[in-house]
Amino acid sequence: QVQLVQSGGGLVQAGDSLRLSCTASVHSLSGYVLGWFRQAPGKDRDFVAAIRWSGGSTNYADSIKGRFSISRDNAKNTVYLQMNYLKPEDTAIYYCAADPWSTEATMEGRQIEYDYWGQGTQVTVSS
């Protein structure tokens, strides 16, 4: 069983930056895909970004390309989501997730393929 513990988030103003962290309780994330998703009030949970732990390839949702960046720290078993130029429409609960099978579907954001989920963290962007 893999536990994902998230940190970061909070209330910021439009144009500010935030960094979310997600640390996995597993010996190694080699072979995993780690992803970030978000759920705005009254909406479905949507894909944000994913990273393949081995090799570091990434994929992003069109809505955040150029503003958000996903990265990893091998030594800390932690994945980050750096969010810049935040907009009010970025307000949501953000979740990290892990797929131990490293499939293309999870790189593309197919949620059902992710086996493990973090607890979620609120990001609120005021105008």
Foldseek 3Di string as FASTA:
>chain_A
DKAKAKDWADEEAAQAKIKIKIAIPDPFLQQKKKFKWWDDPPGDIFGAKIFHPVPTDMDGDPVQPPFWDWDDDGVRNMIMIIGGRDDQVVWTWMKMFMANNNDVCVRVPPVVRTDYMYPTDTHGYHD
